[in-house]
Amino acid sequence: MYGEPPASVRETCVELRLPLHVFAWQPRMRQTGLKSTALYLIRPDGHIALADPHADPKRLRQYFYERRLVATRFN
């Protein structure tokens, strides 16, 4: 996430054993199409798997459960 994630997102990442990377928001990032505090799930191959502008932890859980995914490592 770019910007401070809500506690619910942090908790969901722990629950899913998913690393959460947080980067300080810079206003110029908006020019690239990024949104402050949006949730971006990046696949291991670098492609965007999920972009949720509302950072809804339910959408993140749904993405994992529908695909029967399990994070293989947590750093």
C-alpha atoms as a PDB file:
ATOM      1  CA  MET A   1       0.000   0.000   0.000  1.00  0.00           C
ATOM      2  CA  TYR A   2       0.967   3.587  -0.587  1.00  0.00           C
ATOM      3  CA  GLY A   3      -0.041   5.402   2.560  1.00  0.00           C
ATOM      4  CA  GLU A   4      -1.046   4.087   5.965  1.00  0.00           C
ATOM      5  CA  PRO A   5      -3.151   0.905   5.788  1.00  0.00           C
ATOM      6  CA  PRO A   6      -6.156   0.476   8.053  1.00  0.00           C
ATOM      7  CA  ALA A   7      -5.797  -2.007  10.916  1.00  0.00           C
ATOM      8  CA  SER A   8      -8.319  -4.297   9.179  1.00  0.00           C
ATOM      9  CA  VAL A   9      -6.000  -4.650   6.177  1.00  0.00           C
ATOM     10  CA  ARG A  10      -3.025  -5.408   8.420  1.00  0.00           C
ATOM     11  CA  GLU A  11      -5.056  -8.045  10.290  1.00  0.00           C
ATOM     12  CA  THR A  12      -6.251  -9.657   7.060  1.00  0.00           C
ATOM     13  CA  CYS A  13      -2.708  -9.874   5.721  1.00  0.00           C
ATOM     14  CA  VAL A  14      -1.608 -11.620   8.913  1.00  0.00           C
ATOM     15  CA  GLU A  15      -4.612 -13.963   8.671  1.00  0.00           C
ATOM     16  CA  LEU A  16      -3.759 -14.815   5.047  1.00  0.00           C
ATOM     17  CA  ARG A  17      -0.022 -15.006   5.795  1.00  0.00           C
ATOM     18  CA  LEU A  18       0.491 -12.350   3.164  1.00  0.00           C
ATOM     19  CA  PRO A  19       3.371  -9.869   3.408  1.00  0.00           C
ATOM     20  CA  LEU A  20       2.216  -6.265   3.554  1.00  0.00           C
ATOM     21  CA  HIS A  21       4.544  -3.688   2.062  1.00  0.00           C
ATOM     22  CA  VAL A  22       3.785  -0.081   2.985  1.00  0.00           C
ATOM     23  CA  PHE A  23       5.297   2.864   1.124  1.00  0.00           C
ATOM     24  CA  ALA A  24       5.013   6.516   2.047  1.00  0.00           C
ATOM     25  CA  TRP A  25       2.527   8.302  -0.192  1.00  0.00           C
ATOM     26  CA  GLN A  26       3.948  11.004  -2.435  1.00  0.00           C
ATOM     27  CA  PRO A  27       1.464  13.309  -4.217  1.00  0.00           C
ATOM     28  CA  ARG A  28       3.278  12.830  -7.542  1.00  0.00           C
ATOM     29  CA  MET A  29       2.320   9.132  -7.434  1.00  0.00           C
ATOM     30  CA  ARG A  30      -1.205  10.174  -8.396  1.00  0.00           C
ATOM     31  CA  GLN A  31       0.155  11.058 -11.870  1.00  0.00           C
ATOM     32  CA  THR A  32       1.006   7.381 -12.424  1.00  0.00           C
ATOM     33  CA  GLY A  33      -2.538   6.268 -11.608  1.00  0.00           C
ATOM     34  CA  LEU A  34      -1.878   5.075  -8.071  1.00  0.00           C
ATOM     35  CA  LYS A  35      -4.314   5.965  -5.305  1.00  0.00           C
ATOM     36  CA  SER A  36      -3.399   6.704  -1.728  1.00  0.00           C
ATOM     37  CA  THR A  37      -4.411   3.885   0.644  1.00  0.00           C
ATOM     38  CA  ALA A  38      -5.681   1.686  -2.184  1.00  0.00           C
ATOM     39  CA  LEU A  39      -4.887  -2.021  -1.890  1.00  0.00           C
ATOM     40  CA  TYR A  40      -2.701  -3.540  -4.600  1.00  0.00           C
ATOM     41  CA  LEU A  41      -2.097  -7.280  -4.643  1.00  0.00           C
ATOM     42  CA  ILE A  42       0.923  -8.095  -6.779  1.00  0.00           C
ATOM     43  CA  ARG A  43       1.483 -11.617  -8.081  1.00  0.00           C
ATOM     44  CA  PRO A  44       4.939 -13.204  -7.830  1.00  0.00           C
ATOM     45  CA  ASP A  45       5.456 -12.545 -11.556  1.00  0.00           C
ATOM     46  CA  GLY A  46       4.922  -8.804 -10.985  1.00  0.00           C
ATOM     47  CA  HIS A  47       1.436  -8.521 -12.499  1.00  0.00           C
ATOM     48  CA  ILE A  48      -1.376  -6.843 -10.570  1.00  0.00           C
ATOM     49  CA  ALA A  49      -3.800  -9.480  -9.311  1.00  0.00           C
ATOM     50  CA  LEU A  50      -6.159  -7.122  -7.497  1.00  0.00           C
ATOM     51  CA  ALA A  51      -6.458  -3.350  -7.251  1.00  0.00           C
ATOM     52  CA  ASP A  52      -9.036  -2.191  -4.733  1.00  0.00           C
ATOM     53  CA  PRO A  53      -9.314   1.604  -4.340  1.00  0.00           C
ATOM     54  CA  HIS A  54     -11.296   1.116  -1.110  1.00  0.00           C
ATOM     55  CA  ALA A  55      -8.799  -1.309   0.503  1.00  0.00           C
ATOM     56  CA  ASP A  56     -11.645  -3.575   1.557  1.00  0.00           C
ATOM     57  CA  PRO A  57     -10.209  -6.597   3.410  1.00  0.00           C
ATOM     58  CA  LYS A  58     -13.301  -8.606   2.415  1.00  0.00           C
ATOM     59  CA  ARG A  59     -12.320  -8.295  -1.259  1.00  0.00           C
ATOM     60  CA  LEU A  60      -8.803  -9.507  -0.453  1.00  0.00           C
ATOM     61  CA  ARG A  61     -10.147 -12.528   1.451  1.00  0.00           C
ATOM     62  CA  GLN A  62     -12.626 -13.237  -1.342  1.00  0.00           C
ATOM     63  CA  TYR A  63      -9.834 -13.175  -3.936  1.00  0.00           C
ATOM     64  CA  PHE A  64      -7.853 -15.784  -1.958  1.00  0.00           C
ATOM     65  CA  TYR A  65     -10.815 -17.990  -1.056  1.00  0.00           C
ATOM     66  CA  GLU A  66     -12.321 -18.081  -4.564  1.00  0.00           C
ATOM     67  CA  ARG A  67      -8.984 -19.195  -5.999  1.00  0.00           C
ATOM     68  CA  ARG A  68      -8.107 -21.458  -3.062  1.00  0.00           C
ATOM     69  CA  LEU A  69      -4.819 -19.603  -2.667  1.00  0.00           C
ATOM     70  CA  VAL A  70      -2.439 -19.826   0.249  1.00  0.00           C
ATOM     71  CA  ALA A  71       0.517 -17.516   0.701  1.00  0.00           C
ATOM     72  CA  THR A  72       3.633 -19.697   0.795  1.00  0.00           C
ATOM     73  CA  ARG A  73       5.864 -17.387   2.778  1.00  0.00           C
ATOM     74  CA  PHE A  74       5.564 -14.503   5.146  1.00  0.00           C
ATOM     75  CA  ASN A  75       8.440 -12.075   5.664  1.00  0.00           C
END
